[in-house]
Amino acid sequence: MTTEDDGTPQGNVAYARLLTELREGRLNPGDRLRETELADRLGVSRTPVREAIRQLEADGIVTHVPRQGATIRTLDYAEVMELYEMRAVLEGTAARLAARAASDIEIEELIDMNRQMGEMANAPEAFILNRQFHAALLDAAKNRFLARSIHTLQKALMILGPTTLTDPDRAEKAVAEHLGILDAIKARDGLRAEAAMRAHIEAAQRVRVRALRALPHRTPGYDGDLL
């Protein structure tokens, strides 16, 4: 249990813990957030849990459903597409800026991370390393305002469900796509790096669309819940 003596408000601690559970798939779209259960699980009182739920609601992750209360949001098809469109724009910009601003050491580290991803294939550790790869590339872009925008978007992306890297071929293809991005960054070709990153995000988007289409009674364009 974390206390206020640690210098971190308990509400922020509870918020961070719930975000971690979302990222790891322990909380999923449609799950109810019961204050008593969460307080027991997180080892805090209901007050910081209530604060954490309010923060998640401000992030657009939690909504209040009649007769259910606070619930993890379920995105509709249009929202999923909009998220990927914005991700392509923002991460494409990050790749372009990294081509200009990344140090040689940062580029070498990105290359090494991608090599490790290739060796891990579909292991869960590869999913974590993939997040770290994209975070390191964003750091290499050296633009704090862009970083804030992407971090906000990433919170919404948490409620999409499992990463597209769980698709049988996707992990291998993602590594190859990363190589294309890194080749452009190493060559200091910002426009090519941006185009390669956009193509990478769009490839993930196509996998996501196929997954949505495979859900029973769900087709693209359907106005109901898709995830």
C-alpha atoms as a PDB file:
ATOM      1  CA  MET A   1       0.000   0.000   0.000  1.00  0.00           C
ATOM      2  CA  THR A   2       1.301   3.469  -0.934  1.00  0.00           C
ATOM      3  CA  THR A   3       0.839   6.249   1.571  1.00  0.00           C
ATOM      4  CA  GLU A   4       0.899   9.993   1.318  1.00  0.00           C
ATOM      5  CA  ASP A   5       4.268   9.880   3.155  1.00  0.00           C
ATOM      6  CA  ASP A   6       5.748   8.597  -0.135  1.00  0.00           C
ATOM      7  CA  GLY A   7       5.066  11.997  -1.690  1.00  0.00           C
ATOM      8  CA  THR A   8       2.562  10.624  -4.257  1.00  0.00           C
ATOM      9  CA  PRO A   9      -1.152  11.361  -3.745  1.00  0.00           C
ATOM     10  CA  GLN A  10      -3.065   8.121  -3.365  1.00  0.00           C
ATOM     11  CA  GLY A  11      -5.515   9.139  -6.058  1.00  0.00           C
ATOM     12  CA  ASN A  12      -2.684   9.388  -8.596  1.00  0.00           C
ATOM     13  CA  VAL A  13      -1.311   6.050  -7.448  1.00  0.00           C
ATOM     14  CA  ALA A  14      -4.716   4.395  -7.889  1.00  0.00           C
ATOM     15  CA  TYR A  15      -5.066   6.073 -11.300  1.00  0.00           C
ATOM     16  CA  ALA A  16      -1.653   4.787 -12.421  1.00  0.00           C
ATOM     17  CA  ARG A  17      -2.500   1.273 -11.203  1.00  0.00           C
ATOM     18  CA  LEU A  18      -5.773   1.224 -13.135  1.00  0.00           C
ATOM     19  CA  LEU A  19      -4.015   2.429 -16.281  1.00  0.00           C
ATOM     20  CA  THR A  20      -1.545  -0.429 -15.889  1.00  0.00           C
ATOM     21  CA  GLU A  21      -4.397  -2.916 -15.557  1.00  0.00           C
ATOM     22  CA  LEU A  22      -5.938  -1.519 -18.738  1.00  0.00           C
ATOM     23  CA  ARG A  23      -2.636  -1.744 -20.602  1.00  0.00           C
ATOM     24  CA  GLU A  24      -2.123  -5.337 -19.478  1.00  0.00           C
ATOM     25  CA  GLY A  25      -5.652  -6.424 -20.359  1.00  0.00           C
ATOM     26  CA  ARG A  26      -6.801  -6.997 -16.780  1.00  0.00           C
ATOM     27  CA  LEU A  27      -9.466  -4.341 -17.292  1.00  0.00           C
ATOM     28  CA  ASN A  28     -11.418  -4.444 -20.535  1.00  0.00           C
ATOM     29  CA  PRO A  29     -14.141  -2.513 -22.371  1.00  0.00           C
ATOM     30  CA  GLY A  30     -17.476  -2.970 -20.642  1.00  0.00           C
ATOM     31  CA  ASP A  31     -15.965  -3.815 -17.231  1.00  0.00           C
ATOM     32  CA  ARG A  32     -17.666  -2.130 -14.275  1.00  0.00           C
ATOM     33  CA  LEU A  33     -15.533  -0.185 -11.811  1.00  0.00           C
ATOM     34  CA  ARG A  34     -16.896  -0.889  -8.342  1.00  0.00           C
ATOM     35  CA  GLU A  35     -15.306   1.391  -5.778  1.00  0.00           C
ATOM     36  CA  THR A  36     -15.340  -1.145  -2.931  1.00  0.00           C
ATOM     37  CA  GLU A  37     -13.759  -3.926  -4.999  1.00  0.00           C
ATOM     38  CA  LEU A  38     -11.098  -1.607  -6.403  1.00  0.00           C
ATOM     39  CA  ALA A  39     -10.277  -0.194  -2.976  1.00  0.00           C
ATOM     40  CA  ASP A  40      -9.758  -3.713  -1.607  1.00  0.00           C
ATOM     41  CA  ARG A  41      -7.645  -4.780  -4.581  1.00  0.00           C
ATOM     42  CA  LEU A  42      -5.481  -1.666  -4.639  1.00  0.00           C
ATOM     43  CA  GLY A  43      -5.122  -1.453  -0.876  1.00  0.00           C
ATOM     44  CA  VAL A  44      -6.479   2.079  -0.566  1.00  0.00           C
ATOM     45  CA  SER A  45      -9.664   3.739   0.672  1.00  0.00           C
ATOM     46  CA  ARG A  46     -12.610   4.500  -1.584  1.00  0.00           C
ATOM     47  CA  THR A  47     -11.737   8.209  -1.792  1.00  0.00           C
ATOM     48  CA  PRO A  48      -8.581   7.814  -3.944  1.00  0.00           C
ATOM     49  CA  VAL A  49     -10.405   5.206  -6.033  1.00  0.00           C
ATOM     50  CA  ARG A  50     -13.146   7.751  -6.669  1.00  0.00           C
ATOM     51  CA  GLU A  51     -10.496  10.304  -7.665  1.00  0.00           C
ATOM     52  CA  ALA A  52      -8.891   7.789 -10.033  1.00  0.00           C
ATOM     53  CA  ILE A  53     -12.236   7.021 -11.676  1.00  0.00           C
ATOM     54  CA  ARG A  54     -12.814  10.754 -12.188  1.00  0.00           C
ATOM     55  CA  GLN A  55      -9.413  11.046 -13.882  1.00  0.00           C
ATOM     56  CA  LEU A  56     -10.206   8.094 -16.135  1.00  0.00           C
ATOM     57  CA  GLU A  57     -13.529   9.712 -16.995  1.00  0.00           C
ATOM     58  CA  ALA A  58     -11.709  12.943 -17.912  1.00  0.00           C
ATOM     59  CA  ASP A  59      -9.435  10.853 -20.177  1.00  0.00           C
ATOM     60  CA  GLY A  60     -12.497   9.480 -21.995  1.00  0.00           C
ATOM     61  CA  ILE A  61     -11.739   5.951 -20.773  1.00  0.00           C
ATOM     62  CA  VAL A  62     -14.629   5.618 -18.324  1.00  0.00           C
ATOM     63  CA  THR A  63     -18.303   6.415 -18.831  1.00  0.00           C
ATOM     64  CA  HIS A  64     -21.348   6.107 -16.577  1.00  0.00           C
ATOM     65  CA  VAL A  65     -23.846   3.517 -17.789  1.00  0.00           C
ATOM     66  CA  PRO A  66     -27.425   3.543 -16.433  1.00  0.00           C
ATOM     67  CA  ARG A  67     -27.964   0.904 -13.717  1.00  0.00           C
ATOM     68  CA  GLN A  68     -24.279  -0.063 -13.904  1.00  0.00           C
ATOM     69  CA  GLY A  69     -22.313   3.008 -12.879  1.00  0.00           C
ATOM     70  CA  ALA A  70     -18.700   3.684 -13.865  1.00  0.00           C
ATOM     71  CA  THR A  71     -17.721   1.400 -16.758  1.00  0.00           C
ATOM     72  CA  ILE A  72     -14.733   1.123 -19.111  1.00  0.00           C
ATOM     73  CA  ARG A  73     -15.872   2.620 -22.407  1.00  0.00           C
ATOM     74  CA  THR A  74     -16.448   0.535 -25.504  1.00  0.00           C
ATOM     75  CA  LEU A  75     -15.430   2.306 -28.705  1.00  0.00           C
ATOM     76  CA  ASP A  76     -17.572   2.262 -31.824  1.00  0.00           C
ATOM     77  CA  TYR A  77     -16.159   1.709 -35.316  1.00  0.00           C
ATOM     78  CA  ALA A  78     -15.883   5.404 -36.191  1.00  0.00           C
ATOM     79  CA  GLU A  79     -13.934   6.131 -33.005  1.00  0.00           C
ATOM     80  CA  VAL A  80     -11.511   3.283 -33.725  1.00  0.00           C
ATOM     81  CA  MET A  81     -10.843   4.663 -37.199  1.00  0.00           C
ATOM     82  CA  GLU A  82     -10.400   8.196 -35.873  1.00  0.00           C
ATOM     83  CA  LEU A  83      -7.899   7.005 -33.269  1.00  0.00           C
ATOM     84  CA  TYR A  84      -5.777   5.296 -35.906  1.00  0.00           C
ATOM     85  CA  GLU A  85      -5.965   8.326 -38.199  1.00  0.00           C
ATOM     86  CA  MET A  86      -4.661  10.560 -35.410  1.00  0.00           C
ATOM     87  CA  ARG A  87      -2.029   8.012 -34.449  1.00  0.00           C
ATOM     88  CA  ALA A  88      -0.727   7.967 -38.029  1.00  0.00           C
ATOM     89  CA  VAL A  89      -0.534  11.766 -38.081  1.00  0.00           C
ATOM     90  CA  LEU A  90       1.160  12.138 -34.686  1.00  0.00           C
ATOM     91  CA  GLU A  91       3.565   9.211 -34.866  1.00  0.00           C
ATOM     92  CA  GLY A  92       4.387  10.054 -38.473  1.00  0.00           C
ATOM     93  CA  THR A  93       5.366  13.517 -37.285  1.00  0.00           C
ATOM     94  CA  ALA A  94       7.454  11.966 -34.495  1.00  0.00           C
ATOM     95  CA  ALA A  95       9.375   9.877 -37.022  1.00  0.00           C
ATOM     96  CA  ARG A  96      10.013  12.934 -39.206  1.00  0.00           C
ATOM     97  CA  LEU A  97      11.284  14.945 -36.237  1.00  0.00           C
ATOM     98  CA  ALA A  98      13.426  12.036 -35.030  1.00  0.00           C
ATOM     99  CA  ALA A  99      15.166  11.961 -38.402  1.00  0.00           C
ATOM    100  CA  ARG A 100      16.305  15.489 -37.668  1.00  0.00           C
ATOM    101  CA  ALA A 101      16.854  15.400 -33.918  1.00  0.00           C
ATOM    102  CA  ALA A 102      17.811  11.845 -32.877  1.00  0.00           C
ATOM    103  CA  SER A 103      21.386  11.289 -31.774  1.00  0.00           C
ATOM    104  CA  ASP A 104      23.419   8.439 -33.243  1.00  0.00           C
ATOM    105  CA  ILE A 105      23.220   6.687 -29.862  1.00  0.00           C
ATOM    106  CA  GLU A 106      19.405   6.945 -29.838  1.00  0.00           C
ATOM    107  CA  ILE A 107      19.232   5.519 -33.344  1.00  0.00           C
ATOM    108  CA  GLU A 108      21.521   2.635 -32.405  1.00  0.00           C
ATOM    109  CA  GLU A 109      19.342   1.908 -29.369  1.00  0.00           C
ATOM    110  CA  LEU A 110      16.198   1.859 -31.533  1.00  0.00           C
ATOM    111  CA  ILE A 111      17.886  -0.525 -33.967  1.00  0.00           C
ATOM    112  CA  ASP A 112      18.889  -2.811 -31.081  1.00  0.00           C
ATOM    113  CA  MET A 113      15.381  -2.771 -29.600  1.00  0.00           C
ATOM    114  CA  ASN A 114      13.913  -3.734 -32.959  1.00  0.00           C
ATOM    115  CA  ARG A 115      16.461  -6.548 -33.333  1.00  0.00           C
ATOM    116  CA  GLN A 116      15.415  -7.901 -29.934  1.00  0.00           C
ATOM    117  CA  MET A 117      11.763  -7.701 -30.983  1.00  0.00           C
ATOM    118  CA  GLY A 118      12.549  -9.835 -34.006  1.00  0.00           C
ATOM    119  CA  GLU A 119      14.139 -12.484 -31.786  1.00  0.00           C
ATOM    120  CA  MET A 120      11.128 -12.549 -29.427  1.00  0.00           C
ATOM    121  CA  ALA A 121       8.550 -13.141 -32.182  1.00  0.00           C
ATOM    122  CA  ASN A 122       5.069 -13.318 -30.573  1.00  0.00           C
ATOM    123  CA  ALA A 123       6.241 -13.574 -26.964  1.00  0.00           C
ATOM    124  CA  PRO A 124       4.449 -11.202 -24.539  1.00  0.00           C
ATOM    125  CA  GLU A 125       7.800  -9.525 -23.874  1.00  0.00           C
ATOM    126  CA  ALA A 126       7.829  -8.407 -27.512  1.00  0.00           C
ATOM    127  CA  PHE A 127       4.591  -6.474 -26.967  1.00  0.00           C
ATOM    128  CA  ILE A 128       6.185  -4.574 -24.089  1.00  0.00           C
ATOM    129  CA  LEU A 129       9.333  -3.919 -26.115  1.00  0.00           C
ATOM    130  CA  ASN A 130       7.212  -2.634 -28.995  1.00  0.00           C
ATOM    131  CA  ARG A 131       5.671  -0.016 -26.687  1.00  0.00           C
ATOM    132  CA  GLN A 132       9.145   0.893 -25.486  1.00  0.00           C
ATOM    133  CA  PHE A 133      10.347   1.196 -29.084  1.00  0.00           C
ATOM    134  CA  HIS A 134       7.619   3.684 -29.968  1.00  0.00           C
ATOM    135  CA  ALA A 135       8.212   5.582 -26.711  1.00  0.00           C
ATOM    136  CA  ALA A 136      11.961   5.781 -27.429  1.00  0.00           C
ATOM    137  CA  LEU A 137      11.292   7.039 -30.941  1.00  0.00           C
ATOM    138  CA  LEU A 138       9.020   9.719 -29.503  1.00  0.00           C
ATOM    139  CA  ASP A 139      11.772  10.714 -27.054  1.00  0.00           C
ATOM    140  CA  ALA A 140      14.182  10.970 -29.997  1.00  0.00           C
ATOM    141  CA  ALA A 141      11.808  13.415 -31.707  1.00  0.00           C
ATOM    142  CA  LYS A 142      12.474  15.879 -28.871  1.00  0.00           C
ATOM    143  CA  ASN A 143       9.183  17.751 -28.987  1.00  0.00           C
ATOM    144  CA  ARG A 144       7.371  18.011 -25.661  1.00  0.00           C
ATOM    145  CA  PHE A 145       4.082  19.235 -27.127  1.00  0.00           C
ATOM    146  CA  LEU A 146       3.962  16.329 -29.557  1.00  0.00           C
ATOM    147  CA  ALA A 147       4.785  13.943 -26.712  1.00  0.00           C
ATOM    148  CA  ARG A 148       1.851  15.239 -24.660  1.00  0.00           C
ATOM    149  CA  SER A 149      -0.529  14.784 -27.589  1.00  0.00           C
ATOM    150  CA  ILE A 150       0.634  11.216 -28.195  1.00  0.00           C
ATOM    151  CA  HIS A 151       0.438  10.314 -24.495  1.00  0.00           C
ATOM    152  CA  THR A 152      -3.176  11.537 -24.428  1.00  0.00           C
ATOM    153  CA  LEU A 153      -3.983   9.462 -27.506  1.00  0.00           C
ATOM    154  CA  GLN A 154      -2.300   6.391 -26.025  1.00  0.00           C
ATOM    155  CA  LYS A 155      -4.706   6.416 -23.087  1.00  0.00           C
ATOM    156  CA  ALA A 156      -7.626   6.091 -25.494  1.00  0.00           C
ATOM    157  CA  LEU A 157      -5.782   3.365 -27.414  1.00  0.00           C
ATOM    158  CA  MET A 158      -5.684   1.277 -24.233  1.00  0.00           C
ATOM    159  CA  ILE A 159      -9.387   0.464 -24.596  1.00  0.00           C
ATOM    160  CA  LEU A 160      -9.027  -0.967 -28.089  1.00  0.00           C
ATOM    161  CA  GLY A 161      -8.330  -4.430 -26.720  1.00  0.00           C
ATOM    162  CA  PRO A 162      -5.317  -6.722 -27.303  1.00  0.00           C
ATOM    163  CA  THR A 163      -2.446  -5.398 -29.407  1.00  0.00           C
ATOM    164  CA  THR A 164      -2.539  -6.224 -33.121  1.00  0.00           C
ATOM    165  CA  LEU A 165       0.841  -7.913 -32.597  1.00  0.00           C
ATOM    166  CA  THR A 166      -1.075 -10.954 -31.353  1.00  0.00           C
ATOM    167  CA  ASP A 167      -2.085 -11.524 -34.998  1.00  0.00           C
ATOM    168  CA  PRO A 168       0.034 -14.492 -36.272  1.00  0.00           C
ATOM    169  CA  ASP A 169       1.992 -12.575 -38.941  1.00  0.00           C
ATOM    170  CA  ARG A 170       1.863  -9.099 -37.482  1.00  0.00           C
ATOM    171  CA  ALA A 171       4.896  -9.215 -35.170  1.00  0.00           C
ATOM    172  CA  GLU A 172       7.268 -10.233 -37.972  1.00  0.00           C
ATOM    173  CA  LYS A 173       5.850  -7.636 -40.351  1.00  0.00           C
ATOM    174  CA  ALA A 174       6.037  -4.925 -37.667  1.00  0.00           C
ATOM    175  CA  VAL A 175       9.763  -5.580 -37.207  1.00  0.00           C
ATOM    176  CA  ALA A 176      10.299  -5.236 -40.973  1.00  0.00           C
ATOM    177  CA  GLU A 177       8.257  -2.014 -41.004  1.00  0.00           C
ATOM    178  CA  HIS A 178      10.316  -0.668 -38.106  1.00  0.00           C
ATOM    179  CA  LEU A 179      13.445  -1.334 -40.154  1.00  0.00           C
ATOM    180  CA  GLY A 180      12.098   0.845 -42.951  1.00  0.00           C
ATOM    181  CA  ILE A 181      11.412   3.660 -40.471  1.00  0.00           C
ATOM    182  CA  LEU A 182      14.858   3.304 -38.917  1.00  0.00           C
ATOM    183  CA  ASP A 183      16.625   3.253 -42.299  1.00  0.00           C
ATOM    184  CA  ALA A 184      14.985   6.589 -43.123  1.00  0.00           C
ATOM    185  CA  ILE A 185      15.822   8.076 -39.720  1.00  0.00           C
ATOM    186  CA  LYS A 186      19.440   6.946 -39.996  1.00  0.00           C
ATOM    187  CA  ALA A 187      19.612   8.557 -43.445  1.00  0.00           C
ATOM    188  CA  ARG A 188      18.155  11.761 -41.923  1.00  0.00           C
ATOM    189  CA  ASP A 189      15.317  11.573 -44.455  1.00  0.00           C
ATOM    190  CA  GLY A 190      12.386  13.027 -42.518  1.00  0.00           C
ATOM    191  CA  LEU A 191       9.771  12.730 -45.238  1.00  0.00           C
ATOM    192  CA  ARG A 192      10.590   9.080 -45.885  1.00  0.00           C
ATOM    193  CA  ALA A 193      10.573   8.343 -42.149  1.00  0.00           C
ATOM    194  CA  GLU A 194       7.136   9.951 -41.802  1.00  0.00           C
ATOM    195  CA  ALA A 195       5.744   8.010 -44.761  1.00  0.00           C
ATOM    196  CA  ALA A 196       7.164   4.742 -43.409  1.00  0.00           C
ATOM    197  CA  MET A 197       5.653   5.350 -39.971  1.00  0.00           C
ATOM    198  CA  ARG A 198       2.266   6.213 -41.446  1.00  0.00           C
ATOM    199  CA  ALA A 199       2.370   2.989 -43.480  1.00  0.00           C
ATOM    200  CA  HIS A 200       3.269   1.079 -40.302  1.00  0.00           C
ATOM    201  CA  ILE A 201       0.298   2.479 -38.378  1.00  0.00           C
ATOM    202  CA  GLU A 202      -2.053   1.901 -41.320  1.00  0.00           C
ATOM    203  CA  ALA A 203      -0.922  -1.739 -41.510  1.00  0.00           C
ATOM    204  CA  ALA A 204      -1.875  -2.148 -37.848  1.00  0.00           C
ATOM    205  CA  GLN A 205      -5.179  -0.437 -38.572  1.00  0.00           C
ATOM    206  CA  ARG A 206      -5.973  -2.969 -41.319  1.00  0.00           C
ATOM    207  CA  VAL A 207      -5.360  -5.821 -38.869  1.00  0.00           C
ATOM    208  CA  ARG A 208      -7.681  -4.125 -36.374  1.00  0.00           C
ATOM    209  CA  VAL A 209     -10.419  -3.723 -39.008  1.00  0.00           C
ATOM    210  CA  ARG A 210     -10.173  -7.422 -39.908  1.00  0.00           C
ATOM    211  CA  ALA A 211     -10.512  -8.295 -36.234  1.00  0.00           C
ATOM    212  CA  LEU A 212     -13.603  -6.104 -35.919  1.00  0.00           C
ATOM    213  CA  ARG A 213     -15.135  -7.668 -38.997  1.00  0.00           C
ATOM    214  CA  ALA A 214     -14.590 -11.147 -37.550  1.00  0.00           C
ATOM    215  CA  LEU A 215     -16.617 -10.380 -34.437  1.00  0.00           C
ATOM    216  CA  PRO A 216     -20.092 -11.992 -34.520  1.00  0.00           C
ATOM    217  CA  HIS A 217     -22.814  -9.697 -35.883  1.00  0.00           C
ATOM    218  CA  ARG A 218     -20.350  -6.837 -36.294  1.00  0.00           C
ATOM    219  CA  THR A 219     -19.498  -5.226 -39.602  1.00  0.00           C
ATOM    220  CA  PRO A 220     -17.664  -1.976 -40.420  1.00  0.00           C
ATOM    221  CA  GLY A 221     -20.114   0.883 -40.325  1.00  0.00           C
ATOM    222  CA  TYR A 222     -22.248  -0.719 -37.617  1.00  0.00           C
ATOM    223  CA  ASP A 223     -23.185   1.950 -35.078  1.00  0.00           C
ATOM    224  CA  GLY A 224     -23.100  -0.254 -32.005  1.00  0.00           C
ATOM    225  CA  ASP A 225     -20.256  -1.443 -29.821  1.00  0.00           C
ATOM    226  CA  LEU A 226     -17.414  -3.119 -31.653  1.00  0.00           C
ATOM    227  CA  LEU A 227     -14.886  -4.076 -29.035  1.00  0.00           C
END
